[in-house]
Amino acid sequence: MISKLKNYLKKLSYQQDNLYRIRINQGIYLSRHIINLSLEDLDNYGFGIFSQFNEDSIIQYFISKIDFNKSFIEIGTENYEEANTRFLLEKDNWSGLIIDSSKKNLDFVEKQNYFWRHDLTTHHATVGVENINSILSKSKFTNNVGILSIDIDGNDYWVWEAIKMITPQLVIIEYNSKFGDQKSLTIKYEKDFLRSKEGIDKLIYGASLTALNKLGNSKGYSLICTNKNGNNAFFLNNKYLNNFIKKKTVKEVYKKSYFREYLTKDFKNSLDEDYIYNYITSSKKVIEV
């Protein structure tokens, strides 16, 4: 019985690996067709192979128009089944470092076929302003990093602000669209910040797109676009702006996310955008920067 179970698990692993190959091949095919589109077109014609939404297609568009150093750092990956950089790893053979606060997640990653097939490094840590530069300085990814992706559902603004060890060509960072597109808001820095798992307080995390845009400008980056579902923003180092990829304003690219992350029994307040906005922006955990 044990032998049969082992064989069965091997077959499952083999089948899963084949499914991944099909997804990657599909992405290769789709990537060929986006180079003649514009970034705005990718809201309708983009794709996600391993990314949550159309981030994979946006990244492929960027690398078709800019000469990138083929390395990435992604902070906040969970088990890497859904990530902004995995398609780059497997399709384009980039080298990368992924950082996550869960040892269980990274143990899972290290057991996957892509881990030994490609140059991928894992690091277990809860990232904050106190340790981010130390983590980066001990890695081999300290010069000419192609892409930095930050998605930690909390201190994203403060971590990006604190980074001194690297100057990525492209930064992908999560924004909280519930803060709106007018005010420059972020949560106060808390070393051990944990996003609430339920209730309206679950919506108190991260930073507004306006706050991230101000920060990006101060660090020499331009806001270029957001993903179609309004939760990830793309900032390009000003050195790499060109005729295809140009600086945009918050008003031009802001999208509201309609994720139903907060629901009440009667659904009344959970559908009231004004109620949600007023509640989270008036929280003592939120400040203007």
C-alpha atoms as a PDB file:
ATOM      1  CA  MET A   1       0.000   0.000   0.000  1.00  0.00           C
ATOM      2  CA  ILE A   2       2.852   2.375   0.845  1.00  0.00           C
ATOM      3  CA  SER A   3       4.512   1.614  -2.483  1.00  0.00           C
ATOM      4  CA  LYS A   4       1.269   2.235  -4.364  1.00  0.00           C
ATOM      5  CA  LEU A   5       0.770   5.508  -2.517  1.00  0.00           C
ATOM      6  CA  LYS A   6       4.282   6.663  -3.417  1.00  0.00           C
ATOM      7  CA  ASN A   7       3.701   5.851  -7.083  1.00  0.00           C
ATOM      8  CA  TYR A   8       0.384   7.677  -7.010  1.00  0.00           C
ATOM      9  CA  LEU A   9       1.996  10.777  -5.508  1.00  0.00           C
ATOM     10  CA  LYS A  10       4.744  10.661  -8.139  1.00  0.00           C
ATOM     11  CA  LYS A  11       2.122  10.569 -10.881  1.00  0.00           C
ATOM     12  CA  LEU A  12       0.328  13.530  -9.329  1.00  0.00           C
ATOM     13  CA  SER A  13       3.584  15.472  -9.198  1.00  0.00           C
ATOM     14  CA  TYR A  14       4.310  14.595 -12.823  1.00  0.00           C
ATOM     15  CA  GLN A  15       0.849  15.698 -13.913  1.00  0.00           C
ATOM     16  CA  GLN A  16       1.168  18.961 -11.987  1.00  0.00           C
ATOM     17  CA  ASP A  17       4.510  19.636 -13.608  1.00  0.00           C
ATOM     18  CA  ASN A  18       2.964  19.089 -17.042  1.00  0.00           C
ATOM     19  CA  LEU A  19       0.164  21.519 -16.217  1.00  0.00           C
ATOM     20  CA  TYR A  20       2.751  24.139 -15.265  1.00  0.00           C
ATOM     21  CA  ARG A  21       4.528  23.560 -18.584  1.00  0.00           C
ATOM     22  CA  ILE A  22       1.271  24.086 -20.464  1.00  0.00           C
ATOM     23  CA  ARG A  23       0.660  27.339 -18.607  1.00  0.00           C
ATOM     24  CA  ILE A  24       4.182  28.567 -19.365  1.00  0.00           C
ATOM     25  CA  ASN A  25       3.900  27.651 -23.046  1.00  0.00           C
ATOM     26  CA  GLN A  26       0.609  29.503 -23.184  1.00  0.00           C
ATOM     27  CA  GLY A  27       2.339  32.522 -21.663  1.00  0.00           C
ATOM     28  CA  ILE A  28       5.146  32.316 -24.233  1.00  0.00           C
ATOM     29  CA  TYR A  29       2.583  32.403 -27.025  1.00  0.00           C
ATOM     30  CA  LEU A  30       0.651  35.301 -25.511  1.00  0.00           C
ATOM     31  CA  SER A  31       3.847  37.264 -24.840  1.00  0.00           C
ATOM     32  CA  ARG A  32       4.570  37.405 -28.563  1.00  0.00           C
ATOM     33  CA  HIS A  33       1.372  39.335 -29.202  1.00  0.00           C
ATOM     34  CA  ILE A  34       1.617  42.069 -26.583  1.00  0.00           C
ATOM     35  CA  ILE A  35       4.712  43.802 -27.947  1.00  0.00           C
ATOM     36  CA  ASN A  36       2.599  45.591 -30.561  1.00  0.00           C
ATOM     37  CA  LEU A  37       0.041  46.756 -27.997  1.00  0.00           C
ATOM     38  CA  SER A  38       0.198  49.642 -25.546  1.00  0.00           C
ATOM     39  CA  LEU A  39       0.244  49.361 -21.764  1.00  0.00           C
ATOM     40  CA  GLU A  40      -3.337  50.652 -21.752  1.00  0.00           C
ATOM     41  CA  ASP A  41      -4.385  47.760 -24.008  1.00  0.00           C
ATOM     42  CA  LEU A  42      -3.235  45.261 -21.408  1.00  0.00           C
ATOM     43  CA  ASP A  43      -6.244  45.971 -19.218  1.00  0.00           C
ATOM     44  CA  ASN A  44      -8.271  44.169 -21.883  1.00  0.00           C
ATOM     45  CA  TYR A  45      -5.731  41.902 -23.552  1.00  0.00           C
ATOM     46  CA  GLY A  46      -3.308  41.157 -20.729  1.00  0.00           C
ATOM     47  CA  PHE A  47      -2.784  37.821 -19.041  1.00  0.00           C
ATOM     48  CA  GLY A  48      -1.696  36.268 -15.802  1.00  0.00           C
ATOM     49  CA  ILE A  49       0.144  32.960 -15.800  1.00  0.00           C
ATOM     50  CA  PHE A  50       1.329  32.955 -12.207  1.00  0.00           C
ATOM     51  CA  SER A  51       0.458  36.538 -11.287  1.00  0.00           C
ATOM     52  CA  GLN A  52      -2.805  37.387  -9.576  1.00  0.00           C
ATOM     53  CA  PHE A  53      -4.141  39.442 -12.468  1.00  0.00           C
ATOM     54  CA  ASN A  54      -2.458  40.868 -15.593  1.00  0.00           C
ATOM     55  CA  GLU A  55       0.905  41.651 -13.964  1.00  0.00           C
ATOM     56  CA  ASP A  56       2.681  38.957 -16.016  1.00  0.00           C
ATOM     57  CA  SER A  57       1.696  40.639 -19.277  1.00  0.00           C
ATOM     58  CA  ILE A  58       2.691  44.094 -18.012  1.00  0.00           C
ATOM     59  CA  ILE A  59       6.113  42.793 -16.991  1.00  0.00           C
ATOM     60  CA  GLN A  60       6.554  41.091 -20.357  1.00  0.00           C
ATOM     61  CA  TYR A  61       5.704  44.382 -22.059  1.00  0.00           C
ATOM     62  CA  PHE A  62       8.332  46.198 -19.989  1.00  0.00           C
ATOM     63  CA  ILE A  63      11.072  43.684 -20.788  1.00  0.00           C
ATOM     64  CA  SER A  64      10.215  43.908 -24.495  1.00  0.00           C
ATOM     65  CA  LYS A  65      10.890  47.663 -24.455  1.00  0.00           C
ATOM     66  CA  ILE A  66      13.794  47.973 -21.991  1.00  0.00           C
ATOM     67  CA  ASP A  67      17.103  46.175 -21.588  1.00  0.00           C
ATOM     68  CA  PHE A  68      16.744  44.677 -18.108  1.00  0.00           C
ATOM     69  CA  ASN A  69      19.262  43.072 -15.835  1.00  0.00           C
ATOM     70  CA  LYS A  70      17.724  39.621 -15.468  1.00  0.00           C
ATOM     71  CA  SER A  71      17.363  39.495 -11.711  1.00  0.00           C
ATOM     72  CA  PHE A  72      14.497  40.083  -9.312  1.00  0.00           C
ATOM     73  CA  ILE A  73      13.624  40.326  -5.646  1.00  0.00           C
ATOM     74  CA  GLU A  74      10.097  39.612  -4.479  1.00  0.00           C
ATOM     75  CA  ILE A  75       9.088  40.364  -0.898  1.00  0.00           C
ATOM     76  CA  GLY A  76       5.911  38.653   0.278  1.00  0.00           C
ATOM     77  CA  THR A  77       5.419  35.593  -1.911  1.00  0.00           C
ATOM     78  CA  GLU A  78       3.502  33.151   0.304  1.00  0.00           C
ATOM     79  CA  ASN A  79       4.082  29.741  -1.334  1.00  0.00           C
ATOM     80  CA  TYR A  80       4.976  31.258  -4.744  1.00  0.00           C
ATOM     81  CA  GLU A  81       2.065  29.592  -6.500  1.00  0.00           C
ATOM     82  CA  GLU A  82       0.772  33.100  -7.237  1.00  0.00           C
ATOM     83  CA  ALA A  83       3.537  35.648  -7.704  1.00  0.00           C
ATOM     84  CA  ASN A  84       4.731  38.516  -9.896  1.00  0.00           C
ATOM     85  CA  THR A  85       8.127  37.004 -10.704  1.00  0.00           C
ATOM     86  CA  ARG A  86       7.616  33.278 -11.168  1.00  0.00           C
ATOM     87  CA  PHE A  87       6.819  33.590 -14.885  1.00  0.00           C
ATOM     88  CA  LEU A  88      10.086  35.508 -15.309  1.00  0.00           C
ATOM     89  CA  LEU A  89      11.901  32.728 -13.488  1.00  0.00           C
ATOM     90  CA  GLU A  90      10.509  29.913 -15.597  1.00  0.00           C
ATOM     91  CA  LYS A  91       9.970  31.549 -19.001  1.00  0.00           C
ATOM     92  CA  ASP A  92      12.909  33.946 -19.136  1.00  0.00           C
ATOM     93  CA  ASN A  93      15.305  32.156 -16.757  1.00  0.00           C
ATOM     94  CA  TRP A  94      15.876  35.193 -14.528  1.00  0.00           C
ATOM     95  CA  SER A  95      17.707  34.807 -11.228  1.00  0.00           C
ATOM     96  CA  GLY A  96      15.850  35.794  -8.111  1.00  0.00           C
ATOM     97  CA  LEU A  97      15.487  36.130  -4.370  1.00  0.00           C
ATOM     98  CA  ILE A  98      12.130  35.609  -2.693  1.00  0.00           C
ATOM     99  CA  ILE A  99      11.457  36.613   0.914  1.00  0.00           C
ATOM    100  CA  ASP A 100       8.532  35.494   3.027  1.00  0.00           C
ATOM    101  CA  SER A 101       7.627  35.483   6.712  1.00  0.00           C
ATOM    102  CA  SER A 102       6.438  31.859   6.632  1.00  0.00           C
ATOM    103  CA  LYS A 103       9.028  29.074   6.845  1.00  0.00           C
ATOM    104  CA  LYS A 104       6.310  26.630   5.777  1.00  0.00           C
ATOM    105  CA  ASN A 105       5.766  28.547   2.554  1.00  0.00           C
ATOM    106  CA  LEU A 106       9.454  28.561   1.698  1.00  0.00           C
ATOM    107  CA  ASP A 107       9.849  24.874   2.561  1.00  0.00           C
ATOM    108  CA  PHE A 108       7.121  24.215   0.005  1.00  0.00           C
ATOM    109  CA  VAL A 109       8.949  26.297  -2.614  1.00  0.00           C
ATOM    110  CA  GLU A 110      12.217  24.438  -2.074  1.00  0.00           C
ATOM    111  CA  LYS A 111      10.512  21.111  -2.836  1.00  0.00           C
ATOM    112  CA  GLN A 112       9.257  22.217  -6.251  1.00  0.00           C
ATOM    113  CA  ASN A 113      10.903  21.320  -9.561  1.00  0.00           C
ATOM    114  CA  TYR A 114      11.392  24.926 -10.585  1.00  0.00           C
ATOM    115  CA  PHE A 115      13.546  25.504  -7.517  1.00  0.00           C
ATOM    116  CA  TRP A 116      16.352  23.211  -8.662  1.00  0.00           C
ATOM    117  CA  ARG A 117      15.866  24.001 -12.325  1.00  0.00           C
ATOM    118  CA  HIS A 118      16.468  27.722 -11.891  1.00  0.00           C
ATOM    119  CA  ASP A 119      18.598  30.150  -9.919  1.00  0.00           C
ATOM    120  CA  LEU A 120      16.160  30.909  -7.108  1.00  0.00           C
ATOM    121  CA  THR A 121      17.136  31.837  -3.550  1.00  0.00           C
ATOM    122  CA  THR A 122      14.748  31.868  -0.591  1.00  0.00           C
ATOM    123  CA  HIS A 123      15.018  33.861   2.616  1.00  0.00           C
ATOM    124  CA  HIS A 124      12.821  33.485   5.670  1.00  0.00           C
ATOM    125  CA  ALA A 125      12.169  36.789   7.459  1.00  0.00           C
ATOM    126  CA  THR A 126       9.494  39.205   8.548  1.00  0.00           C
ATOM    127  CA  VAL A 127      10.650  42.261   6.638  1.00  0.00           C
ATOM    128  CA  GLY A 128      10.735  45.720   8.234  1.00  0.00           C
ATOM    129  CA  VAL A 129      12.721  48.919   8.060  1.00  0.00           C
ATOM    130  CA  GLU A 130      15.093  47.520  10.703  1.00  0.00           C
ATOM    131  CA  ASN A 131      16.280  44.534   8.661  1.00  0.00           C
ATOM    132  CA  ILE A 132      15.561  45.019   4.959  1.00  0.00           C
ATOM    133  CA  ASN A 133      18.955  46.481   4.052  1.00  0.00           C
ATOM    134  CA  SER A 134      20.773  43.888   6.123  1.00  0.00           C
ATOM    135  CA  ILE A 135      18.906  41.114   4.295  1.00  0.00           C
ATOM    136  CA  LEU A 136      19.714  42.619   0.912  1.00  0.00           C
ATOM    137  CA  SER A 137      23.359  43.262   1.754  1.00  0.00           C
ATOM    138  CA  LYS A 138      23.879  39.577   2.570  1.00  0.00           C
ATOM    139  CA  SER A 139      22.345  38.459  -0.720  1.00  0.00           C
ATOM    140  CA  LYS A 140      24.003  38.407  -4.124  1.00  0.00           C
ATOM    141  CA  PHE A 141      21.370  40.810  -5.445  1.00  0.00           C
ATOM    142  CA  THR A 142      22.893  44.140  -4.463  1.00  0.00           C
ATOM    143  CA  ASN A 143      23.721  45.604  -7.869  1.00  0.00           C
ATOM    144  CA  ASN A 144      21.602  46.304 -10.940  1.00  0.00           C
ATOM    145  CA  VAL A 145      18.465  44.489  -9.813  1.00  0.00           C
ATOM    146  CA  GLY A 146      15.939  44.330 -12.622  1.00  0.00           C
ATOM    147  CA  ILE A 147      12.680  44.127 -10.699  1.00  0.00           C
ATOM    148  CA  LEU A 148      11.686  44.589  -7.067  1.00  0.00           C
ATOM    149  CA  SER A 149       8.189  43.469  -6.058  1.00  0.00           C
ATOM    150  CA  ILE A 150       6.752  44.333  -2.624  1.00  0.00           C
ATOM    151  CA  ASP A 151       3.475  42.902  -1.356  1.00  0.00           C
ATOM    152  CA  ILE A 152       3.386  42.485   2.411  1.00  0.00           C
ATOM    153  CA  ASP A 153      -0.108  43.781   3.206  1.00  0.00           C
ATOM    154  CA  GLY A 154       1.150  46.338   5.665  1.00  0.00           C
ATOM    155  CA  ASN A 155       4.380  48.317   5.848  1.00  0.00           C
ATOM    156  CA  ASP A 156       4.946  48.353   2.078  1.00  0.00           C
ATOM    157  CA  TYR A 157       5.483  52.137   1.949  1.00  0.00           C
ATOM    158  CA  TRP A 158       7.974  52.143   4.810  1.00  0.00           C
ATOM    159  CA  VAL A 159       9.960  49.183   3.494  1.00  0.00           C
ATOM    160  CA  TRP A 160      10.361  50.781   0.062  1.00  0.00           C
ATOM    161  CA  GLU A 161      11.343  54.077   1.679  1.00  0.00           C
ATOM    162  CA  ALA A 162      13.967  52.298   3.810  1.00  0.00           C
ATOM    163  CA  ILE A 163      15.661  50.404   0.967  1.00  0.00           C
ATOM    164  CA  LYS A 164      19.119  51.820   0.271  1.00  0.00           C
ATOM    165  CA  MET A 165      21.075  48.767  -0.855  1.00  0.00           C
ATOM    166  CA  ILE A 166      19.556  48.432  -4.308  1.00  0.00           C
ATOM    167  CA  THR A 167      18.220  50.653  -7.076  1.00  0.00           C
ATOM    168  CA  PRO A 168      15.901  48.426  -9.122  1.00  0.00           C
ATOM    169  CA  GLN A 169      14.989  49.308 -12.655  1.00  0.00           C
ATOM    170  CA  LEU A 170      11.320  48.559 -11.994  1.00  0.00           C
ATOM    171  CA  VAL A 171       9.396  48.514  -8.719  1.00  0.00           C
ATOM    172  CA  ILE A 172       6.040  46.757  -8.393  1.00  0.00           C
ATOM    173  CA  ILE A 173       4.272  47.597  -5.159  1.00  0.00           C
ATOM    174  CA  GLU A 174       0.810  46.990  -3.771  1.00  0.00           C
ATOM    175  CA  TYR A 175      -1.387  50.017  -3.102  1.00  0.00           C
ATOM    176  CA  ASN A 176      -4.617  50.227  -1.123  1.00  0.00           C
ATOM    177  CA  SER A 177      -7.221  51.685  -3.472  1.00  0.00           C
ATOM    178  CA  LYS A 178      -9.705  52.044  -0.604  1.00  0.00           C
ATOM    179  CA  PHE A 179      -7.676  55.108   0.452  1.00  0.00           C
ATOM    180  CA  GLY A 180      -8.782  56.805  -2.762  1.00  0.00           C
ATOM    181  CA  ASP A 181      -6.701  58.770  -5.247  1.00  0.00           C
ATOM    182  CA  GLN A 182      -6.562  62.167  -3.547  1.00  0.00           C
ATOM    183  CA  LYS A 183      -4.821  61.898  -0.190  1.00  0.00           C
ATOM    184  CA  SER A 184      -1.260  60.769   0.517  1.00  0.00           C
ATOM    185  CA  LEU A 185      -1.965  58.144   3.176  1.00  0.00           C
ATOM    186  CA  THR A 186      -0.227  55.175   4.711  1.00  0.00           C
ATOM    187  CA  ILE A 187      -0.503  53.156   7.883  1.00  0.00           C
ATOM    188  CA  LYS A 188       1.805  54.213  10.699  1.00  0.00           C
ATOM    189  CA  TYR A 189       4.902  52.087  10.877  1.00  0.00           C
ATOM    190  CA  GLU A 190       4.581  49.198  13.318  1.00  0.00           C
ATOM    191  CA  LYS A 191       7.406  46.697  13.396  1.00  0.00           C
ATOM    192  CA  ASP A 192       5.060  43.789  14.077  1.00  0.00           C
ATOM    193  CA  PHE A 193       2.087  45.048  12.088  1.00  0.00           C
ATOM    194  CA  LEU A 194      -0.482  42.369  11.323  1.00  0.00           C
ATOM    195  CA  ARG A 195      -3.379  43.056   9.021  1.00  0.00           C
ATOM    196  CA  SER A 196      -6.733  42.153  10.551  1.00  0.00           C
ATOM    197  CA  LYS A 197      -8.152  38.916   9.221  1.00  0.00           C
ATOM    198  CA  GLU A 198     -11.800  39.955   9.286  1.00  0.00           C
ATOM    199  CA  GLY A 199     -14.122  42.935   9.602  1.00  0.00           C
ATOM    200  CA  ILE A 200     -13.666  46.420   8.224  1.00  0.00           C
ATOM    201  CA  ASP A 201     -10.281  46.741   9.963  1.00  0.00           C
ATOM    202  CA  LYS A 202      -9.000  44.253   7.372  1.00  0.00           C
ATOM    203  CA  LEU A 203      -9.015  47.188   4.948  1.00  0.00           C
ATOM    204  CA  ILE A 204      -6.534  49.188   7.037  1.00  0.00           C
ATOM    205  CA  TYR A 205      -3.147  48.332   5.509  1.00  0.00           C
ATOM    206  CA  GLY A 206      -0.578  49.614   3.042  1.00  0.00           C
ATOM    207  CA  ALA A 207      -0.605  53.022   1.397  1.00  0.00           C
ATOM    208  CA  SER A 208      -2.524  55.072  -1.130  1.00  0.00           C
ATOM    209  CA  LEU A 209      -1.304  55.346  -4.704  1.00  0.00           C
ATOM    210  CA  THR A 210      -0.722  59.068  -4.147  1.00  0.00           C
ATOM    211  CA  ALA A 211       1.583  58.372  -1.201  1.00  0.00           C
ATOM    212  CA  LEU A 212       3.553  55.789  -3.164  1.00  0.00           C
ATOM    213  CA  ASN A 213       3.811  58.159  -6.118  1.00  0.00           C
ATOM    214  CA  LYS A 214       5.292  60.891  -3.907  1.00  0.00           C
ATOM    215  CA  LEU A 215       7.737  58.394  -2.459  1.00  0.00           C
ATOM    216  CA  GLY A 216       8.644  57.049  -5.885  1.00  0.00           C
ATOM    217  CA  ASN A 217       9.307  60.548  -7.233  1.00  0.00           C
ATOM    218  CA  SER A 218      11.605  61.278  -4.288  1.00  0.00           C
ATOM    219  CA  LYS A 219      13.579  58.125  -5.081  1.00  0.00           C
ATOM    220  CA  GLY A 220      13.878  58.858  -8.817  1.00  0.00           C
ATOM    221  CA  TYR A 221      10.965  56.767 -10.102  1.00  0.00           C
ATOM    222  CA  SER A 222       7.959  57.522 -12.280  1.00  0.00           C
ATOM    223  CA  LEU A 223       4.512  56.010 -11.968  1.00  0.00           C
ATOM    224  CA  ILE A 224       3.761  54.167 -15.213  1.00  0.00           C
ATOM    225  CA  CYS A 225       0.647  52.051 -14.769  1.00  0.00           C
ATOM    226  CA  THR A 226      -1.437  49.879 -12.455  1.00  0.00           C
ATOM    227  CA  ASN A 227      -2.850  46.404 -12.927  1.00  0.00           C
ATOM    228  CA  LYS A 228      -6.423  46.082 -14.123  1.00  0.00           C
ATOM    229  CA  ASN A 229      -7.838  45.172 -10.718  1.00  0.00           C
ATOM    230  CA  GLY A 230      -6.417  48.157  -8.888  1.00  0.00           C
ATOM    231  CA  ASN A 231      -4.000  46.736  -6.343  1.00  0.00           C
ATOM    232  CA  ASN A 232      -0.503  46.804  -7.886  1.00  0.00           C
ATOM    233  CA  ALA A 233       1.381  49.847  -9.193  1.00  0.00           C
ATOM    234  CA  PHE A 234       4.439  49.924 -11.467  1.00  0.00           C
ATOM    235  CA  PHE A 235       7.223  52.477 -10.985  1.00  0.00           C
ATOM    236  CA  LEU A 236      10.109  52.760 -13.445  1.00  0.00           C
ATOM    237  CA  ASN A 237      13.495  54.278 -12.673  1.00  0.00           C
ATOM    238  CA  ASN A 238      13.606  57.576 -14.582  1.00  0.00           C
ATOM    239  CA  LYS A 239      16.750  56.466 -16.438  1.00  0.00           C
ATOM    240  CA  TYR A 240      14.703  53.986 -18.452  1.00  0.00           C
ATOM    241  CA  LEU A 241      11.749  56.100 -19.595  1.00  0.00           C
ATOM    242  CA  ASN A 242      11.345  55.990 -23.371  1.00  0.00           C
ATOM    243  CA  ASN A 243       8.865  56.576 -26.187  1.00  0.00           C
ATOM    244  CA  PHE A 244       6.923  53.438 -25.257  1.00  0.00           C
ATOM    245  CA  ILE A 245       6.935  53.809 -21.485  1.00  0.00           C
ATOM    246  CA  LYS A 246       6.145  57.268 -20.174  1.00  0.00           C
ATOM    247  CA  LYS A 247       5.422  58.868 -16.822  1.00  0.00           C
ATOM    248  CA  LYS A 248       1.742  59.052 -15.820  1.00  0.00           C
ATOM    249  CA  THR A 249      -0.188  60.846 -13.118  1.00  0.00           C
ATOM    250  CA  VAL A 250      -2.126  59.166 -10.326  1.00  0.00           C
ATOM    251  CA  LYS A 251      -5.352  60.387 -11.889  1.00  0.00           C
ATOM    252  CA  GLU A 252      -4.461  58.746 -15.208  1.00  0.00           C
ATOM    253  CA  VAL A 253      -3.735  55.275 -13.850  1.00  0.00           C
ATOM    254  CA  TYR A 254      -5.606  54.954 -10.544  1.00  0.00           C
ATOM    255  CA  LYS A 255      -8.101  52.101 -10.497  1.00  0.00           C
ATOM    256  CA  LYS A 256     -10.441  51.225  -7.685  1.00  0.00           C
ATOM    257  CA  SER A 257     -10.326  47.657  -6.451  1.00  0.00           C
ATOM    258  CA  TYR A 258     -13.687  46.007  -5.971  1.00  0.00           C
ATOM    259  CA  PHE A 259     -12.407  43.120  -3.888  1.00  0.00           C
ATOM    260  CA  ARG A 260     -15.121  42.082  -1.419  1.00  0.00           C
ATOM    261  CA  GLU A 261     -12.728  41.667   1.479  1.00  0.00           C
ATOM    262  CA  TYR A 262     -15.075  43.186   4.010  1.00  0.00           C
ATOM    263  CA  LEU A 263     -18.608  41.819   4.327  1.00  0.00           C
ATOM    264  CA  THR A 264     -21.253  42.294   6.986  1.00  0.00           C
ATOM    265  CA  LYS A 265     -24.273  40.099   7.572  1.00  0.00           C
ATOM    266  CA  ASP A 266     -26.657  42.634   6.052  1.00  0.00           C
ATOM    267  CA  PHE A 267     -24.103  43.739   3.397  1.00  0.00           C
ATOM    268  CA  LYS A 268     -25.144  47.359   3.945  1.00  0.00           C
ATOM    269  CA  ASN A 269     -21.888  48.902   5.113  1.00  0.00           C
ATOM    270  CA  SER A 270     -19.733  46.515   3.076  1.00  0.00           C
ATOM    271  CA  LEU A 271     -21.153  48.021  -0.134  1.00  0.00           C
ATOM    272  CA  ASP A 272     -21.021  51.639   1.040  1.00  0.00           C
ATOM    273  CA  GLU A 273     -17.783  53.049  -0.366  1.00  0.00           C
ATOM    274  CA  ASP A 274     -18.156  56.362   1.467  1.00  0.00           C
ATOM    275  CA  TYR A 275     -18.621  54.571   4.788  1.00  0.00           C
ATOM    276  CA  ILE A 276     -15.542  52.418   4.168  1.00  0.00           C
ATOM    277  CA  TYR A 277     -13.401  55.385   3.078  1.00  0.00           C
ATOM    278  CA  ASN A 278     -14.372  57.522   6.068  1.00  0.00           C
ATOM    279  CA  TYR A 279     -13.830  54.671   8.510  1.00  0.00           C
ATOM    280  CA  ILE A 280     -10.367  53.600   7.363  1.00  0.00           C
ATOM    281  CA  THR A 281      -8.983  57.082   6.653  1.00  0.00           C
ATOM    282  CA  SER A 282     -10.005  58.292  10.107  1.00  0.00           C
ATOM    283  CA  SER A 283      -8.287  55.371  11.823  1.00  0.00           C
ATOM    284  CA  LYS A 284      -5.552  56.234  14.328  1.00  0.00           C
ATOM    285  CA  LYS A 285      -3.379  53.731  12.465  1.00  0.00           C
ATOM    286  CA  VAL A 286      -3.388  55.903   9.325  1.00  0.00           C
ATOM    287  CA  ILE A 287      -1.342  59.043   8.738  1.00  0.00           C
ATOM    288  CA  GLU A 288      -0.738  61.513   5.913  1.00  0.00           C
ATOM    289  CA  VAL A 289       2.761  61.624   4.447  1.00  0.00           C
END
